[in-house]
Protein backbone atom coordinates (compact mmCIF):
# COMPACT_ATOMS: atom_id res chain seq x y z
CA PRO A 1 90.75 -49.93 39.22
CA GLY A 2 88.63 -52.66 40.09
CA LEU A 3 89.21 -56.57 39.57
CA ARG A 4 88.24 -56.81 35.61
CA GLY A 5 87.02 -61.12 34.19
CA LEU A 6 84.54 -62.99 33.56
CA LEU A 7 83.74 -66.30 35.15
CA GLY A 8 81.22 -68.39 35.26
CA ALA A 9 80.63 -72.37 37.12
CA ARG A 10 77.62 -75.39 37.99
CA VAL A 11 77.05 -75.16 41.61
CA GLU A 12 74.88 -77.75 43.16
CA THR A 13 72.59 -76.54 46.96
CA THR A 14 70.49 -79.01 49.12
CA GLY A 15 69.07 -78.08 52.11
CA ARG A 16 66.03 -79.13 54.58
CA MET A 17 64.64 -76.48 56.92
CA THR A 18 63.26 -78.23 60.11
CA GLU A 19 63.79 -76.61 63.82
CA VAL A 20 67.56 -75.53 62.01
CA LEU A 21 68.34 -74.89 59.06
CA GLU A 22 71.11 -77.70 57.11
CA ALA A 23 72.53 -76.53 53.67
CA ARG A 24 74.49 -78.16 50.97
CA VAL A 25 76.70 -76.45 48.62
CA ARG A 26 79.00 -77.55 46.04
CA LEU A 27 80.55 -75.88 43.10
CA TRP A 28 81.76 -78.17 40.45
CA ASP A 29 83.61 -76.55 37.62
CA LEU A 30 85.01 -72.67 38.84
CA SER A 31 85.98 -70.77 35.17
CA GLY A 32 87.13 -68.16 33.15
CA GLU A 33 89.55 -65.54 33.40
CA LEU A 34 90.91 -62.73 35.93
CA GLN A 35 92.73 -59.68 34.95
CA ASP A 36 93.54 -62.13 31.93
CA ARG A 37 94.80 -65.08 33.79
CA PRO A 38 92.90 -68.08 33.95
CA VAL A 39 90.49 -69.27 36.93
CA ALA A 40 89.90 -72.86 37.84
CA GLY A 41 87.98 -73.70 41.36
CA GLN A 42 85.74 -76.33 43.28
CA GLY A 43 84.41 -76.99 46.19
CA LEU A 44 81.90 -78.68 49.15
CA VAL A 45 80.92 -76.65 52.23
CA HIS A 46 77.34 -77.40 54.25
CA TRP A 47 75.92 -75.61 57.20
CA THR A 48 74.01 -77.47 59.94
CA ASP A 49 73.31 -76.15 63.64
CA GLY A 50 75.13 -72.55 63.33
CA THR A 51 78.42 -74.58 62.05
CA LEU A 52 79.58 -74.13 58.58
CA THR A 53 81.78 -76.92 57.09
CA VAL A 54 84.48 -76.59 54.31
CA GLU A 55 85.05 -80.34 53.40
CA GLU A 56 86.99 -78.97 50.67
CA LEU A 57 87.48 -75.15 48.74
CA SER A 58 90.13 -74.82 46.31
CA LEU A 59 90.71 -71.83 43.78
CA GLY A 60 93.09 -70.80 41.39
CA ALA A 61 93.70 -67.82 39.37
CA GLY A 62 96.95 -67.96 37.16
CA SER A 63 100.19 -68.85 39.25
CA ASN A 64 97.71 -68.36 43.01
CA ARG A 65 96.42 -71.20 44.81
CA LEU A 66 94.25 -70.73 47.77
CA ALA A 67 93.29 -74.42 50.25
CA VAL A 68 90.80 -74.21 53.04
CA THR A 69 89.23 -76.83 54.96
CA GLY A 70 87.28 -76.84 58.49
CA THR A 71 84.71 -75.73 60.42
CA VAL A 72 83.68 -71.49 61.68
CA GLY A 73 81.03 -71.54 63.96
CA GLU A 74 81.18 -70.96 68.35
CA THR A 75 84.92 -73.34 67.47
CA LEU A 76 86.93 -72.67 64.41
CA GLY A 77 88.82 -75.81 63.38
CA LEU A 78 89.90 -73.69 60.06
CA ALA A 79 93.20 -74.10 57.82
CA ALA A 80 94.55 -71.85 54.93
CA ASP A 81 97.29 -72.34 52.39
CA ILE A 82 98.04 -69.86 50.31
CA ASP A 83 100.54 -69.49 47.08
CA ALA A 84 100.43 -66.48 45.79
CA PRO A 85 103.46 -66.07 43.28
CA ASP A 86 101.02 -62.62 41.59
CA LEU A 87 99.31 -60.46 43.67
CA SER A 88 98.31 -58.29 40.95
CA VAL A 89 96.11 -61.42 39.51
CA LEU A 90 94.00 -60.50 43.18
CA VAL A 91 94.74 -56.55 44.45
CA PRO A 92 94.31 -54.59 41.11
CA GLY A 93 98.00 -52.31 41.46
CA ALA A 94 99.85 -54.60 43.73
CA VAL A 95 103.01 -56.28 42.76
CA GLY A 96 104.50 -58.99 44.42
CA GLU A 97 104.76 -62.89 46.13
CA LEU A 98 102.75 -63.91 49.03
CA ARG A 99 102.83 -67.87 50.57
CA LEU A 100 100.57 -68.28 53.98
CA THR A 101 100.28 -71.03 55.86
CA GLY A 102 98.24 -71.25 59.01
CA GLN A 103 95.62 -72.37 61.57
CA VAL A 104 92.82 -70.80 63.41
CA THR A 105 91.10 -73.10 66.13
CA GLY A 106 89.39 -73.13 69.50
CA PRO A 107 86.82 -70.71 70.35
CA LEU A 108 85.60 -68.40 68.09
CA SER A 109 85.80 -65.39 71.13
CA ARG A 110 89.54 -66.22 71.64
CA PRO A 111 91.17 -67.94 68.96
CA ALA A 112 94.75 -70.50 69.23
CA ILE A 113 96.56 -69.08 65.73
CA ASP A 114 99.48 -71.35 64.23
CA GLY A 115 100.98 -70.04 61.11
CA GLU A 116 103.80 -68.67 59.10
CA PHE A 117 103.78 -65.75 55.73
CA SER A 118 106.44 -65.19 53.50
CA VAL A 119 106.53 -62.06 51.20
CA ARG A 120 108.39 -60.84 48.61
CA ARG A 121 109.51 -58.13 46.82
CA LEU A 122 105.31 -56.02 47.56
CA GLU A 123 104.55 -52.80 45.61
CA PHE A 124 101.39 -51.52 45.74
CA GLY A 125 100.90 -47.28 45.23
CA ASP A 126 103.90 -45.40 47.20
CA ALA A 127 104.67 -48.42 49.65
CA SER A 128 107.09 -51.18 49.29
CA LEU A 129 109.17 -53.54 51.08
CA ASP A 130 111.62 -56.22 49.46
CA ASN A 131 110.82 -58.79 51.96
CA ALA A 132 109.01 -60.09 55.32
CA ASP A 133 108.94 -63.40 56.81
CA GLY A 134 107.03 -64.46 60.15
CA HIS A 135 105.38 -66.97 62.68
CA VAL A 136 102.49 -66.53 65.05
CA ARG A 137 101.83 -68.64 67.57
CA VAL A 138 99.37 -68.29 69.93
CA GLY A 139 97.15 -70.33 73.09
CA THR A 140 93.82 -70.21 74.07
CA ARG A 141 94.50 -70.83 77.59
CA PRO A 142 96.44 -68.70 79.69
CA GLY A 143 99.33 -71.03 80.00
CA ASP A 144 99.75 -71.71 76.60
CA ALA A 145 102.67 -71.12 74.67
CA LEU A 146 102.99 -67.63 72.64
CA ASP A 147 105.81 -66.98 70.35
CA VAL A 148 105.94 -64.39 67.49
CA ASN A 149 108.22 -63.64 65.43
CA LEU A 150 108.25 -61.13 62.73
CA ARG A 151 110.68 -59.69 59.95
CA ALA A 152 110.54 -56.80 57.51
CA ASP A 153 113.14 -55.67 54.88
CA GLY A 154 113.22 -52.72 52.39
CA LEU A 155 110.06 -50.62 53.78
CA ARG A 156 109.88 -47.78 51.94
CA ALA A 157 106.22 -45.42 52.04
CA GLY A 158 106.67 -41.94 49.87
CA THR A 159 109.35 -40.11 51.53
CA LEU A 160 109.46 -42.25 54.40
CA SER A 161 112.06 -45.25 54.40
CA TRP A 162 113.78 -48.03 57.06
CA ASN A 163 115.83 -50.38 56.87
CA THR A 164 114.10 -53.36 59.10
CA LEU A 165 110.78 -53.33 60.66
CA SER A 166 111.44 -56.49 63.70
CA VAL A 167 108.45 -57.22 65.79
CA SER A 168 109.30 -60.78 68.87
CA ALA A 169 106.62 -61.92 71.61
CA GLU A 170 107.69 -65.21 73.32
CA GLY A 171 106.27 -66.46 77.01
CA SER A 172 103.07 -67.47 77.84
CA SER A 173 99.60 -65.54 76.71
CA ALA A 174 99.53 -64.97 80.40
CA ASP A 175 103.14 -63.66 81.04
CA HIS A 176 105.12 -62.78 77.60
CA ARG A 177 108.26 -60.27 77.19
CA PHE A 178 107.69 -58.43 73.59
CA SER A 179 109.98 -56.65 71.44
CA ILE A 180 109.99 -54.10 68.79
CA GLY A 181 113.03 -52.31 66.35
CA LEU A 182 112.51 -49.99 63.35
CA ASP A 183 115.72 -48.97 62.13
CA GLY A 184 115.98 -46.11 59.30
CA LEU A 185 114.60 -42.47 58.64
CA PRO A 186 112.95 -40.73 59.50
CA VAL A 187 113.35 -42.09 63.17
CA ALA A 188 114.69 -45.32 64.76
CA LEU A 189 112.68 -46.86 67.28
CA ARG A 190 113.32 -50.08 69.74
CA ALA A 191 111.03 -50.45 72.32
CA SER A 192 110.63 -53.42 74.68
CA GLY A 193 107.89 -54.36 77.61
CA HIS A 194 106.49 -57.34 79.77
CA GLY A 195 102.84 -58.53 78.77
CA ALA A 196 99.11 -60.28 79.09
CA TRP A 197 96.08 -61.54 77.83
CA HIS A 198 94.06 -61.76 80.17
CA GLN A 199 90.86 -65.07 80.09
CA ASP A 200 87.73 -61.72 79.56
CA GLY A 201 90.28 -60.81 76.46
CA ALA A 202 92.15 -57.70 77.86
CA TYR A 203 95.17 -56.67 77.07
CA SER A 204 97.63 -55.40 80.34
CA GLY A 205 101.47 -54.64 80.29
CA ASP A 206 104.22 -52.19 81.00
CA LEU A 207 106.89 -50.80 78.43
CA GLN A 208 110.28 -50.99 80.44
CA THR A 209 112.39 -49.67 77.38
CA LEU A 210 112.20 -47.09 74.86
CA GLU A 211 114.73 -45.30 72.44
CA LEU A 212 113.85 -42.70 69.84
CA GLU A 213 116.24 -41.92 67.65
CA GLY A 214 116.62 -39.41 64.42
CA PRO A 215 118.78 -36.72 62.79
CA ASP A 216 115.86 -34.48 63.55
CA ALA A 217 114.26 -35.99 66.69
CA GLY A 218 116.97 -36.64 68.32
CA ASN A 219 117.74 -39.56 70.81
CA TRP A 220 115.51 -40.20 73.19
CA ARG A 221 114.66 -42.50 76.22
CA LEU A 222 112.30 -43.92 78.35
CA ASP A 223 112.45 -42.93 81.81
CA ARG A 224 110.78 -45.42 83.90
CA PRO A 225 108.94 -48.12 82.85
CA ALA A 226 104.93 -47.63 81.56
CA GLY A 227 101.56 -49.16 82.66
CA PHE A 228 99.22 -49.85 79.82
CA SER A 229 96.18 -51.35 79.54
CA VAL A 230 92.91 -51.69 77.53
CA ASP A 231 90.51 -54.01 76.57
CA ALA A 232 87.01 -54.00 74.16
CA THR A 233 85.60 -50.69 76.36
CA ALA A 234 88.26 -48.32 77.62
CA TRP A 235 92.80 -48.42 77.97
CA GLU A 236 94.60 -46.71 80.22
CA LEU A 237 98.54 -45.33 79.39
CA GLN A 238 99.82 -44.17 82.97
CA PRO A 239 102.89 -41.63 82.60
CA LEU A 240 104.81 -42.39 80.17
CA CYS A 241 108.53 -39.98 80.35
CA LEU A 242 110.78 -39.65 77.28
CA SER A 243 113.91 -37.76 78.61
CA ASN A 244 116.87 -36.42 75.42
CA VAL A 245 119.46 -37.86 76.02
CA GLN A 246 121.56 -34.69 75.46
CA ARG A 247 120.14 -33.38 78.34
CA LEU A 248 117.78 -30.91 76.39
CA GLY A 249 114.95 -31.24 78.38
CA GLY A 250 112.14 -33.93 78.46
CA GLY A 251 108.24 -34.31 79.50
CA CYS A 252 105.35 -36.65 80.18
CA VAL A 253 102.12 -37.80 79.14
CA ALA A 254 99.61 -40.03 80.18
CA SER A 255 96.11 -40.76 78.96
CA ASN A 256 92.39 -42.90 80.27
CA GLY A 257 89.31 -42.92 78.24
CA SER A 258 86.75 -45.64 76.77
CA HIS A 259 85.92 -46.44 73.63
CA GLY A 260 83.41 -44.14 71.84
CA ALA A 261 82.62 -42.67 74.88
CA ARG A 262 84.94 -40.01 77.14
CA TRP A 263 88.86 -39.99 77.02
CA GLU A 264 90.98 -37.35 79.07
CA VAL A 265 94.61 -36.95 78.17
CA GLU A 266 97.94 -35.28 80.68
CA ALA A 267 101.22 -33.85 79.30
CA ASP A 268 103.57 -32.27 80.74
CA LEU A 269 106.98 -30.35 79.33
CA PRO A 270 108.57 -28.91 82.45
CA GLN A 271 111.45 -27.53 80.16
CA LEU A 272 112.53 -28.75 77.08
CA ASP A 273 115.98 -26.59 75.43
CA LEU A 274 115.08 -24.99 71.93
CA GLY A 275 118.12 -26.61 70.78
CA VAL A 276 116.46 -30.01 70.32
CA PHE A 277 115.46 -27.90 66.71
CA ALA A 278 118.08 -27.36 65.38
CA PRO A 279 118.21 -29.51 62.59
CA LEU A 280 114.58 -28.44 62.10
CA VAL A 281 116.00 -24.79 61.00
CA PRO A 282 117.13 -23.06 58.10
CA GLU A 283 121.54 -23.15 57.47
CA GLY A 284 122.72 -20.54 58.84
CA MET A 285 120.91 -19.85 61.88
CA VAL A 286 120.65 -20.42 65.09
CA VAL A 287 117.90 -20.88 68.20
CA GLU A 288 118.67 -21.00 71.62
CA GLY A 289 116.06 -20.46 74.88
CA ALA A 290 113.91 -22.99 76.42
CA LEU A 291 109.93 -24.11 76.32
CA ILE A 292 107.76 -25.39 78.79
CA ALA A 293 104.46 -26.29 77.90
CA ASP A 294 101.25 -28.76 79.55
CA ALA A 295 98.00 -29.72 78.74
CA ARG A 296 94.77 -31.41 81.00
CA LEU A 297 91.96 -31.78 77.91
CA THR A 298 89.24 -34.25 78.74
CA GLU A 299 86.51 -35.12 75.90
CA GLU A 300 82.81 -37.00 76.34
CA GLY A 301 79.99 -36.63 74.04
CA GLY A 302 81.99 -34.11 71.12
CA ARG A 303 82.73 -31.69 73.84
CA LEU A 304 86.19 -30.67 74.52
CA THR A 305 86.97 -29.46 78.04
CA GLY A 306 90.40 -28.51 79.57
CA HIS A 307 93.66 -26.21 79.03
CA ALA A 308 96.78 -26.65 76.78
CA ARG A 309 99.51 -24.09 77.10
CA LEU A 310 103.19 -23.15 75.35
CA GLU A 311 105.57 -20.10 76.62
CA VAL A 312 108.64 -19.51 75.87
CA PRO A 313 109.92 -17.82 78.67
CA SER A 314 113.73 -17.47 77.02
CA GLY A 315 114.33 -17.36 73.13
CA ARG A 316 116.24 -15.83 70.74
CA SER A 317 116.92 -16.52 67.03
CA ARG A 318 120.41 -16.00 65.58
CA LEU A 319 120.70 -15.59 61.80
CA ASP A 320 124.79 -15.56 60.59
CA LEU A 321 124.89 -12.85 58.27
CA ASP A 322 128.16 -11.62 56.33
CA GLU A 323 128.58 -8.63 58.00
CA GLU A 324 127.25 -9.16 61.33
CA ASP A 325 124.52 -11.76 63.33
CA GLU A 326 120.98 -10.40 63.67
CA VAL A 327 119.72 -11.65 66.17
CA LEU A 328 115.82 -11.96 67.06
CA ASP A 329 114.47 -11.82 70.95
CA PHE A 330 110.75 -13.46 71.63
CA SER A 331 111.40 -14.20 74.65
CA GLY A 332 107.17 -14.25 76.45
CA THR A 333 105.89 -15.75 73.35
CA THR A 334 102.43 -17.98 74.62
CA LEU A 335 100.15 -20.17 72.78
CA ALA A 336 96.90 -21.26 75.20
CA LEU A 337 93.98 -22.89 74.79
CA THR A 338 91.34 -22.93 76.71
CA ALA A 339 87.64 -25.60 76.51
CA ALA A 340 84.54 -24.62 78.99
CA ASP A 341 80.86 -25.33 78.48
CA GLY A 342 81.19 -26.34 74.92
CA ASN A 343 82.95 -22.71 74.40
CA VAL A 344 86.90 -23.22 72.63
CA GLN A 345 88.88 -20.03 72.67
CA ALA A 346 93.21 -19.75 71.81
CA ASP A 347 95.53 -16.98 72.11
CA ALA A 348 98.50 -16.16 71.01
CA LYS A 349 101.44 -13.59 72.23
CA LEU A 350 104.80 -12.87 70.12
CA PRO A 351 106.50 -10.38 71.04
CA LEU A 352 109.42 -8.75 69.33
CA ALA A 353 112.13 -7.45 71.79
CA GLY A 354 113.36 -3.84 69.97
CA LEU A 355 111.04 -4.74 66.97
CA GLY A 356 107.09 -5.20 68.35
CA HIS A 357 104.54 -7.96 68.68
CA ILE A 358 102.07 -9.78 67.12
CA GLU A 359 98.59 -11.12 68.46
CA GLY A 360 96.34 -13.65 67.14
CA HIS A 361 92.65 -14.96 69.14
CA ALA A 362 90.12 -17.19 68.42
CA ARG A 363 86.69 -18.35 69.83
CA LEU A 364 84.74 -21.17 68.40
CA PRO A 365 81.19 -21.30 70.50
CA GLY A 366 79.93 -24.71 70.34
CA TRP A 367 83.01 -26.80 69.20
CA ARG A 368 82.28 -30.02 68.37
CA LEU A 369 85.81 -32.62 68.01
CA ASP A 370 83.68 -35.13 65.94
CA ALA A 371 82.56 -31.90 63.79
CA PRO A 372 85.54 -29.97 63.91
CA ALA A 373 85.44 -27.56 60.48
CA ARG A 374 81.45 -27.80 60.06
CA ALA A 375 80.29 -25.14 57.48
CA ASP A 376 77.57 -23.96 60.56
CA GLN A 377 80.38 -23.49 63.05
CA PRO A 378 80.65 -19.73 64.61
CA VAL A 379 84.01 -18.48 64.97
CA SER A 380 85.26 -14.94 65.98
CA ALA A 381 88.93 -14.62 65.36
CA SER A 382 91.53 -11.22 65.29
CA LEU A 383 95.08 -10.60 64.68
CA THR A 384 96.71 -7.29 65.54
CA GLY A 385 100.42 -6.13 65.48
CA ARG A 386 103.00 -3.31 65.27
CA ILE A 387 106.94 -3.03 64.31
CA PRO A 388 106.82 0.32 64.89
CA ASP A 389 110.73 0.51 63.54
CA LEU A 390 111.57 -1.12 60.34
CA GLY A 391 115.08 -0.15 61.07
CA PRO A 392 116.54 -3.49 62.54
CA PHE A 393 115.57 -5.67 58.82
CA VAL A 394 117.61 -3.79 56.82
CA SER A 395 120.29 -6.33 57.45
CA VAL A 396 117.43 -9.12 55.65
CA VAL A 397 117.47 -7.00 52.55
CA PRO A 398 121.11 -6.37 51.72
CA GLN A 399 120.34 -4.65 48.68
CA VAL A 400 118.79 -1.73 50.73
CA ALA A 401 119.90 0.62 53.22
CA ASP A 402 118.59 3.35 55.90
CA LEU A 403 115.35 1.37 56.21
CA ALA A 404 112.15 3.36 58.57
CA GLY A 405 109.09 3.04 58.81
CA SER A 406 106.40 0.88 60.62
CA VAL A 407 103.70 -1.45 59.85
CA ALA A 408 100.49 -2.28 61.57
CA ILE A 409 97.47 -4.95 60.74
CA ASP A 410 94.73 -5.23 62.60
CA LEU A 411 92.37 -7.97 61.18
CA ARG A 412 88.77 -9.35 62.17
CA ALA A 413 86.38 -12.25 61.26
CA ASP A 414 83.31 -13.41 61.69
CA GLY A 415 80.21 -15.59 61.13
CA ASN A 416 81.03 -19.54 60.88
CA LEU A 417 83.74 -21.50 58.97
CA GLY A 418 80.70 -22.03 55.74
CA ALA A 419 80.87 -18.32 55.14
CA THR A 420 83.33 -16.26 57.31
CA ARG A 421 83.01 -12.20 56.68
CA VAL A 422 87.09 -10.33 57.58
CA GLY A 423 87.51 -6.99 57.77
CA GLY A 424 90.00 -4.35 58.91
CA SER A 425 93.54 -2.78 57.64
CA LEU A 426 97.11 -3.41 57.07
CA GLU A 427 98.98 -0.28 56.99
CA VAL A 428 102.86 0.60 55.50
CA ILE A 429 103.10 3.58 57.38
CA ASP A 430 105.80 6.66 56.38
CA VAL A 431 108.50 3.97 54.74
CA SER A 432 111.41 5.19 53.74
CA PHE A 433 115.09 3.75 52.06
CA GLU A 434 117.80 3.40 49.94
CA VAL A 435 118.74 1.43 46.89
CA PRO A 436 122.32 2.07 46.32
CA ALA A 437 122.95 -0.02 43.54
CA ALA A 438 120.22 2.24 41.64
CA GLY A 439 121.62 5.36 43.37
CA VAL A 440 117.14 5.57 44.51
CA ARG A 441 115.59 7.00 47.19
CA ILE A 442 112.02 5.68 48.16
CA SER A 443 110.62 7.96 50.80
CA GLU A 444 107.04 8.88 52.42
CA LEU A 445 105.94 5.07 51.61
CA GLY A 446 102.09 4.14 52.67
CA LEU A 447 100.12 1.68 51.81
CA THR A 448 96.81 0.73 52.94
CA ALA A 449 94.26 -2.30 52.72
CA ARG A 450 91.80 -1.87 54.23
CA ASN A 451 87.74 -4.00 54.15
CA ARG A 452 84.88 -1.45 52.31
CA SER A 453 82.77 -4.44 52.54
CA ALA A 454 82.57 -8.07 54.11
CA ASP A 455 83.97 -9.38 50.33
CA ILE A 456 85.48 -5.91 49.16
CA VAL A 457 88.57 -4.78 50.16
CA GLU A 458 90.01 -1.18 49.05
CA PHE A 459 94.13 -0.38 48.57
CA ASP A 460 95.49 3.46 48.64
CA GLY A 461 98.89 4.00 48.87
CA SER A 462 102.02 6.73 47.34
CA ALA A 463 104.97 7.52 47.60
CA ARG A 464 107.92 9.58 46.59
CA LEU A 465 110.87 8.59 44.33
CA GLY A 466 113.29 11.65 43.99
CA ASP A 467 111.33 14.95 42.90
CA GLY A 468 108.50 12.53 41.83
CA ARG A 469 105.39 10.92 43.18
CA ILE A 470 103.23 8.10 43.03
CA ASP A 471 99.52 6.84 43.75
CA LEU A 472 98.43 3.48 43.98
CA ASP A 473 94.52 3.01 44.23
CA GLY A 474 91.89 0.16 43.90
CA GLU A 475 90.26 -2.60 44.99
CA GLY A 476 90.06 -6.05 45.06
CA ARG A 477 87.79 -9.08 45.89
CA LEU A 478 87.79 -12.81 45.95
CA ARG A 479 84.95 -15.04 44.97
CA GLN A 480 83.66 -18.44 45.22
CA GLU A 481 82.84 -19.30 41.63
CA THR A 482 85.05 -16.85 39.99
CA GLY A 483 88.59 -16.55 42.31
CA LEU A 484 90.37 -13.23 42.54
CA GLU A 485 88.77 -10.18 41.65
CA MET A 486 91.15 -7.36 41.20
CA ALA A 487 91.42 -3.70 39.71
CA LEU A 488 94.79 -1.13 40.47
CA ARG A 489 95.82 1.93 38.98
CA VAL A 490 99.30 3.39 39.13
CA SER A 491 100.51 7.06 38.03
CA GLY A 492 103.11 8.75 38.55
CA GLU A 493 105.16 11.93 37.18
CA ASP A 494 109.89 12.54 37.28
CA LEU A 495 109.51 9.06 39.08
CA THR A 496 113.35 8.90 39.27
CA VAL A 497 114.25 5.34 39.14
CA ALA A 498 117.66 5.48 38.64
CA ASP A 499 120.48 8.26 39.28
CA ILE A 500 123.99 6.78 39.24
CA PRO A 501 127.30 7.48 37.12
CA GLU A 502 126.02 5.48 34.31
CA ALA A 503 122.40 6.22 34.17
CA THR A 504 120.08 8.66 34.50
CA VAL A 505 116.13 6.83 34.07
CA VAL A 506 113.30 9.37 35.07
CA VAL A 507 109.45 7.36 34.29
CA SER A 508 106.06 8.83 34.29
CA PRO A 509 103.75 5.79 34.49
CA ASP A 510 99.99 5.17 34.19
CA LEU A 511 99.02 1.58 34.70
CA THR A 512 96.23 -0.25 35.42
CA PHE A 513 96.34 -3.67 36.65
CA GLN A 514 93.54 -6.14 36.34
CA ILE A 515 92.56 -9.87 37.36
CA ASP A 516 89.11 -11.10 35.77
CA ASP A 517 88.28 -14.72 35.78
CA GLY A 518 92.15 -16.28 36.00
CA LEU A 519 93.34 -13.69 33.75
CA ALA A 520 95.79 -10.80 34.58
CA GLN A 521 96.04 -8.18 31.67
CA LEU A 522 98.32 -4.85 32.76
CA THR A 523 97.65 -1.75 30.14
CA GLY A 524 99.01 2.04 30.16
CA GLU A 525 101.84 3.69 28.83
CA VAL A 526 104.74 4.60 30.60
CA VAL A 527 106.69 8.06 29.60
CA VAL A 528 110.42 8.62 29.51
CA PRO A 529 110.62 11.85 30.21
CA GLU A 530 114.90 11.96 30.17
CA ALA A 531 117.43 8.19 29.79
CA ARG A 532 120.82 9.24 29.45
CA LEU A 533 122.95 6.62 29.42
CA SER A 534 126.95 6.65 30.35
CA PRO A 535 129.16 3.47 30.00
CA ARG A 536 132.50 3.30 31.67
CA GLY A 537 134.34 2.39 28.34
CA ILE A 538 133.34 0.53 25.37
CA PRO A 539 132.98 -3.63 26.37
CA GLU A 540 136.11 -5.72 24.48
CA GLY A 541 135.19 -6.62 21.19
CA ALA A 542 132.60 -3.44 20.25
CA VAL A 543 132.66 -2.01 16.80
CA SER A 544 133.52 1.68 16.85
CA PRO A 545 131.50 4.09 14.31
CA SER A 546 133.09 4.67 11.04
């Protein structure tokens, strides 16, 4: 919501136009209400020969006060005093207190700043801080003193929280030291370095220390100082190299470019132990191995050129199960990105030793970084894979035994991002398994999902349960207007769904499942030609027949 209120004032203006404009504005008796708080104010400003002079300007809204005096032109000489114990009046949705006093003087192109501020109990949306204090003193000339000291406590933003943020700089504009500290979750940061403001407005320096530490990120440190520079038209970051303190690897990144015209980035990760991802994997799983990566990318005029590649020469995950560990070897996994002649291509390969493989490819002709998801962006993609033997997955599903069969996937997509045509098939081939708890064996299970047209998928499947056979057929489509539509029929005769000493159940279903206009409906019948229940014993408390 915006500001709410009703204001009134008496304004007196005088002026004349000769070779330059001269004007004088007097604000008398500003009054009214803002956010249900009384408003009052008065002021006098005048404009002469390109300079605005504020002789006096005082405003009040509730308990908040603002006072400004000084000049604004090619040279500044402005002073401000803000005392706002109730920010909710000035900023809808905000809560807290702000106090600020300061002066801005000197050339407009490079002013001197001298001020201090304090913030208490600030809240805005899902962000908040307990308190913040600081002062800033920056001169206009290279030899002028520079003194910056800022501290904030109790910062929160959504699920993130930090105990303390501190920023300091001391020395002169042309030669000073700086430091930054951030303590909390998800990561703590400590950095320091040397910097210099130049007469042309450019800033340069070197980052001499950098430490990152967190329960998920691990502990990382800067290998060597990294130089940097930035001005109104360009920037450069010399190689910034980090290493993991636990010797899990490290890498470097460098970048340079011109604002709005061209940029380059280079990154090298010679080796990173997959153990660094340990805090991110599920409990009971261990990831082992290493990955390597490198990238050389350039953007100019919205076009991307270069390459990026990630490879896992050795990698495996181990899941701790009750009876034995389940090991998944994914060594040889690669992910590559190539950009040339206005085209971008991505290729991914995931070999699963002893289990099968999955491959994906995507091509985006004429892709532009400044319009990455435009509706008319051409696209062609494929996803293929095969798991020739499902047997090794039996330990992941403890409810089944003697699992066999295979799965194959072959999907294609083309068109553009606004209207993509998807085709191909997904096949479950000759799957069989037992469910010991029910005494049932499912065999000859097959299921195929195949595109009949651009937006219709046909389903066809069957399986044997005991001496009976179950069949499934139908189709589905995804409409932009109404969402998912589906019609499936399941039928079978003499299906054994339980065969244990306590129960034998045989069913013959004939069911139709439909989804239309957001409504799911199941109709039909299930005939039970045979059912026998033989409890092992009569539960305690049961009443015997008389």
